[in-house]
């Protein structure tokens, strides 16, 4: 492997990690913003109120997105394995 192939592989890895984590992070962002809005409107300033709904929403997003994430990671691993075999 030369430097260009290594840089391309690292770039693909970073893009894959962003692609897999973005939906879960967006769910956390939306739920956190919605709860902050409700807290501001009702003037309830409980710090722990944000954590339970956000954790449940993130777990639900992971549970729903896990099959897609698994397929994407398996495809990426197959590409890496093909590149390793091609080197030898």
N, C-alpha and C. Protein backbone atom coordinates (compact mmCIF):
# COMPACT_ATOMS: atom_id res chain seq x y z
N UNK A 1 0.85 -1.19 0.00
CA UNK A 1 0.00 0.00 0.00
C UNK A 1 0.88 1.24 0.00
N UNK A 2 0.54 2.16 -0.84
CA UNK A 2 1.28 3.41 -0.84
C UNK A 2 0.52 4.46 -0.01
N UNK A 3 1.10 5.63 0.07
CA UNK A 3 0.52 6.68 0.91
C UNK A 3 -0.87 7.10 0.44
N UNK A 4 -1.08 7.15 -0.85
CA UNK A 4 -2.38 7.58 -1.37
C UNK A 4 -3.48 6.61 -0.97
N UNK A 5 -3.20 5.32 -1.03
CA UNK A 5 -4.21 4.32 -0.65
C UNK A 5 -4.52 4.39 0.85
N UNK A 6 -3.49 4.62 1.66
CA UNK A 6 -3.71 4.73 3.10
C UNK A 6 -4.54 5.97 3.41
N UNK A 7 -4.22 7.08 2.78
CA UNK A 7 -4.99 8.31 3.01
C UNK A 7 -6.43 8.13 2.55
N UNK A 8 -6.64 7.46 1.43
CA UNK A 8 -8.00 7.20 0.94
C UNK A 8 -8.76 6.30 1.91
N UNK A 9 -8.10 5.30 2.46
CA UNK A 9 -8.74 4.39 3.42
C UNK A 9 -9.12 5.13 4.70
N UNK A 10 -8.24 5.99 5.17
CA UNK A 10 -8.54 6.79 6.37
C UNK A 10 -9.70 7.74 6.10
N UNK A 11 -9.71 8.36 4.91
CA UNK A 11 -10.81 9.26 4.56
C UNK A 11 -12.14 8.51 4.52
N UNK A 12 -12.14 7.32 3.93
CA UNK A 12 -13.36 6.51 3.88
C UNK A 12 -13.80 6.10 5.27
N UNK A 13 -12.85 5.79 6.14
CA UNK A 13 -13.18 5.40 7.51
C UNK A 13 -13.81 6.55 8.28
N UNK A 14 -13.27 7.73 8.12
CA UNK A 14 -13.83 8.90 8.81
C UNK A 14 -15.23 9.21 8.28
N UNK A 15 -15.41 9.16 6.97
CA UNK A 15 -16.73 9.41 6.40
C UNK A 15 -17.74 8.35 6.86
N UNK A 16 -17.30 7.11 6.97
CA UNK A 16 -18.19 6.05 7.44
C UNK A 16 -18.60 6.28 8.89
N UNK A 17 -17.66 6.69 9.73
CA UNK A 17 -18.01 6.93 11.12
C UNK A 17 -18.97 8.11 11.25
N UNK A 18 -18.80 9.13 10.42
CA UNK A 18 -19.74 10.25 10.43
C UNK A 18 -21.11 9.80 9.93
N UNK A 19 -21.12 9.00 8.87
CA UNK A 19 -22.38 8.51 8.30
C UNK A 19 -23.15 7.64 9.30
N UNK A 20 -22.44 6.85 10.08
CA UNK A 20 -23.11 5.96 11.03
C UNK A 20 -23.55 6.68 12.30
N UNK A 21 -22.80 7.69 12.72
CA UNK A 21 -23.14 8.35 13.97
C UNK A 21 -24.09 9.53 13.80
N UNK A 22 -24.18 10.08 12.60
CA UNK A 22 -25.00 11.29 12.39
C UNK A 22 -26.48 11.10 12.74
N UNK A 23 -27.14 10.01 12.32
CA UNK A 23 -28.57 9.89 12.68
C UNK A 23 -28.80 9.84 14.19
N UNK A 24 -27.95 9.13 14.90
CA UNK A 24 -28.10 9.02 16.36
C UNK A 24 -27.84 10.38 17.02
N UNK A 25 -26.83 11.08 16.54
CA UNK A 25 -26.52 12.39 17.11
C UNK A 25 -27.63 13.40 16.81
N UNK A 26 -28.21 13.31 15.63
CA UNK A 26 -29.32 14.22 15.28
C UNK A 26 -30.55 13.95 16.15
N UNK A 27 -30.82 12.67 16.43
CA UNK A 27 -31.94 12.34 17.32
C UNK A 27 -31.70 12.93 18.70
N UNK A 28 -30.48 12.79 19.21
CA UNK A 28 -30.15 13.37 20.51
C UNK A 28 -30.28 14.89 20.51
N UNK A 29 -29.87 15.51 19.42
CA UNK A 29 -29.97 16.96 19.30
C UNK A 29 -31.43 17.42 19.28
N UNK A 30 -32.25 16.74 18.50
CA UNK A 30 -33.67 17.13 18.40
C UNK A 30 -34.38 16.93 19.73
N UNK A 31 -34.16 15.78 20.37
CA UNK A 31 -34.83 15.52 21.65
C UNK A 31 -34.34 16.49 22.71
N UNK A 32 -33.05 16.74 22.75
CA UNK A 32 -32.52 17.70 23.73
C UNK A 32 -33.06 19.10 23.53
N UNK A 33 -33.16 19.52 22.28
CA UNK A 33 -33.72 20.84 21.99
C UNK A 33 -35.19 20.92 22.35
N UNK A 34 -35.94 19.86 22.05
CA UNK A 34 -37.37 19.86 22.37
C UNK A 34 -37.59 19.91 23.89
N UNK A 35 -36.80 19.17 24.62
CA UNK A 35 -36.95 19.18 26.08
C UNK A 35 -36.50 20.52 26.66
N UNK A 36 -35.46 21.10 26.11
CA UNK A 36 -35.03 22.42 26.57
C UNK A 36 -36.11 23.46 26.31
N UNK A 37 -36.80 23.33 25.17
CA UNK A 37 -37.90 24.25 24.86
C UNK A 37 -39.04 24.07 25.85
N UNK A 38 -39.38 22.83 26.15
CA UNK A 38 -40.44 22.57 27.14
C UNK A 38 -40.04 23.11 28.50
N UNK A 39 -38.78 22.92 28.88
CA UNK A 39 -38.32 23.46 30.16
C UNK A 39 -38.39 24.98 30.19
N UNK A 40 -38.04 25.62 29.09
CA UNK A 40 -38.09 27.08 29.05
C UNK A 40 -39.54 27.58 29.10
N UNK A 41 -40.43 26.87 28.42
CA UNK A 41 -41.83 27.30 28.40
C UNK A 41 -42.53 27.09 29.73
N UNK A 42 -42.19 26.00 30.43
CA UNK A 42 -42.84 25.70 31.70
C UNK A 42 -42.06 26.19 32.90
N UNK A 43 -40.87 26.71 32.68
CA UNK A 43 -39.98 27.21 33.72
C UNK A 43 -39.61 26.12 34.73
N UNK A 44 -39.60 24.88 34.27
CA UNK A 44 -39.09 23.78 35.09
C UNK A 44 -37.61 23.66 34.79
N UNK A 45 -36.77 23.90 35.77
CA UNK A 45 -35.33 23.90 35.55
C UNK A 45 -34.67 22.70 36.24
N UNK A 46 -35.19 21.53 36.00
CA UNK A 46 -34.61 20.31 36.56
C UNK A 46 -33.55 19.80 35.59
N UNK A 47 -32.33 19.64 36.08
CA UNK A 47 -31.22 19.24 35.23
C UNK A 47 -31.36 17.80 34.76
N UNK A 48 -31.85 16.93 35.62
CA UNK A 48 -31.93 15.51 35.27
C UNK A 48 -33.10 15.19 34.34
N UNK A 49 -33.99 16.13 34.11
CA UNK A 49 -35.16 15.89 33.26
C UNK A 49 -34.77 15.62 31.81
N UNK A 50 -33.65 16.11 31.38
CA UNK A 50 -33.22 15.96 29.99
C UNK A 50 -32.68 14.55 29.72
N UNK A 51 -32.05 13.94 30.70
CA UNK A 51 -31.28 12.73 30.45
C UNK A 51 -32.12 11.52 30.08
N UNK A 52 -33.17 11.24 30.79
CA UNK A 52 -33.95 10.01 30.54
C UNK A 52 -34.59 10.01 29.15
N UNK A 53 -35.31 11.04 28.74
CA UNK A 53 -35.88 11.01 27.38
C UNK A 53 -34.80 10.97 26.29
N UNK A 54 -33.70 11.67 26.51
CA UNK A 54 -32.64 11.68 25.51
C UNK A 54 -32.00 10.30 25.40
N UNK A 55 -31.74 9.65 26.51
CA UNK A 55 -31.16 8.31 26.49
C UNK A 55 -32.11 7.32 25.82
N UNK A 56 -33.39 7.39 26.15
CA UNK A 56 -34.36 6.50 25.53
C UNK A 56 -34.46 6.73 24.03
N UNK A 57 -34.45 7.99 23.61
CA UNK A 57 -34.53 8.29 22.18
C UNK A 57 -33.28 7.81 21.44
N UNK A 58 -32.12 7.96 22.05
CA UNK A 58 -30.87 7.51 21.42
C UNK A 58 -30.84 5.99 21.33
N UNK A 59 -31.26 5.31 22.39
CA UNK A 59 -31.31 3.85 22.33
C UNK A 59 -32.29 3.37 21.27
N UNK A 60 -33.41 4.05 21.14
CA UNK A 60 -34.39 3.69 20.11
C UNK A 60 -33.82 3.92 18.71
N UNK A 61 -33.12 5.03 18.53
CA UNK A 61 -32.50 5.31 17.23
C UNK A 61 -31.44 4.27 16.89
N UNK A 62 -30.65 3.87 17.88
CA UNK A 62 -29.65 2.83 17.65
C UNK A 62 -30.33 1.51 17.32
N UNK A 63 -31.38 1.18 18.06
CA UNK A 63 -32.10 -0.07 17.82
C UNK A 63 -32.69 -0.12 16.42
N UNK A 64 -33.25 0.98 15.97
CA UNK A 64 -33.85 1.04 14.63
C UNK A 64 -32.76 1.05 13.55
N UNK A 65 -31.69 1.78 13.78
CA UNK A 65 -30.65 1.92 12.76
C UNK A 65 -29.59 0.84 12.77
N UNK A 66 -29.61 -0.05 13.75
CA UNK A 66 -28.55 -1.05 13.87
C UNK A 66 -28.44 -1.98 12.66
N UNK A 67 -29.53 -2.46 12.07
CA UNK A 67 -29.37 -3.30 10.87
C UNK A 67 -28.66 -2.58 9.72
N UNK A 68 -29.02 -1.32 9.49
CA UNK A 68 -28.36 -0.55 8.44
C UNK A 68 -26.89 -0.33 8.77
N UNK A 69 -26.61 -0.04 10.01
CA UNK A 69 -25.22 0.17 10.43
C UNK A 69 -24.40 -1.10 10.26
N UNK A 70 -24.99 -2.23 10.60
CA UNK A 70 -24.29 -3.51 10.47
C UNK A 70 -23.97 -3.82 9.02
N UNK A 71 -24.94 -3.64 8.14
CA UNK A 71 -24.72 -3.91 6.71
C UNK A 71 -23.63 -3.00 6.16
N UNK A 72 -23.66 -1.72 6.54
CA UNK A 72 -22.66 -0.78 6.07
C UNK A 72 -21.27 -1.16 6.54
N UNK A 73 -21.15 -1.55 7.81
CA UNK A 73 -19.84 -1.95 8.33
C UNK A 73 -19.34 -3.25 7.70
N UNK A 74 -20.24 -4.18 7.43
CA UNK A 74 -19.84 -5.44 6.79
C UNK A 74 -19.34 -5.15 5.37
N UNK A 75 -20.05 -4.30 4.64
CA UNK A 75 -19.60 -3.94 3.28
C UNK A 75 -18.24 -3.27 3.31
N UNK A 76 -18.02 -2.38 4.27
CA UNK A 76 -16.73 -1.70 4.38
C UNK A 76 -15.63 -2.69 4.73
N UNK A 77 -15.93 -3.63 5.62
CA UNK A 77 -14.93 -4.64 5.98
C UNK A 77 -14.60 -5.52 4.79
N UNK A 78 -15.59 -5.83 3.96
CA UNK A 78 -15.32 -6.61 2.75
C UNK A 78 -14.40 -5.85 1.80
N UNK A 79 -14.59 -4.55 1.68
CA UNK A 79 -13.71 -3.74 0.83
C UNK A 79 -12.29 -3.76 1.38
N UNK A 80 -12.15 -3.61 2.69
CA UNK A 80 -10.82 -3.65 3.30
C UNK A 80 -10.18 -5.01 3.11
N UNK A 81 -10.96 -6.08 3.30
CA UNK A 81 -10.41 -7.43 3.12
C UNK A 81 -9.97 -7.66 1.67
N UNK A 82 -10.74 -7.16 0.71
CA UNK A 82 -10.34 -7.27 -0.69
C UNK A 82 -9.05 -6.51 -0.96
N UNK A 83 -8.89 -5.37 -0.35
CA UNK A 83 -7.65 -4.61 -0.55
C UNK A 83 -6.46 -5.35 0.07
N UNK A 84 -6.68 -5.97 1.23
CA UNK A 84 -5.59 -6.73 1.86
C UNK A 84 -5.19 -7.90 1.00
N UNK A 85 -6.16 -8.62 0.46
CA UNK A 85 -5.87 -9.77 -0.40
C UNK A 85 -5.16 -9.32 -1.67
N UNK A 86 -5.55 -8.17 -2.21
CA UNK A 86 -4.94 -7.67 -3.45
C UNK A 86 -3.48 -7.31 -3.26
N UNK A 87 -3.08 -6.97 -2.04
CA UNK A 87 -1.69 -6.58 -1.78
C UNK A 87 -0.76 -7.78 -1.93
N UNK A 88 -1.20 -8.94 -1.46
CA UNK A 88 -0.33 -10.11 -1.46
C UNK A 88 -0.36 -10.78 -2.75
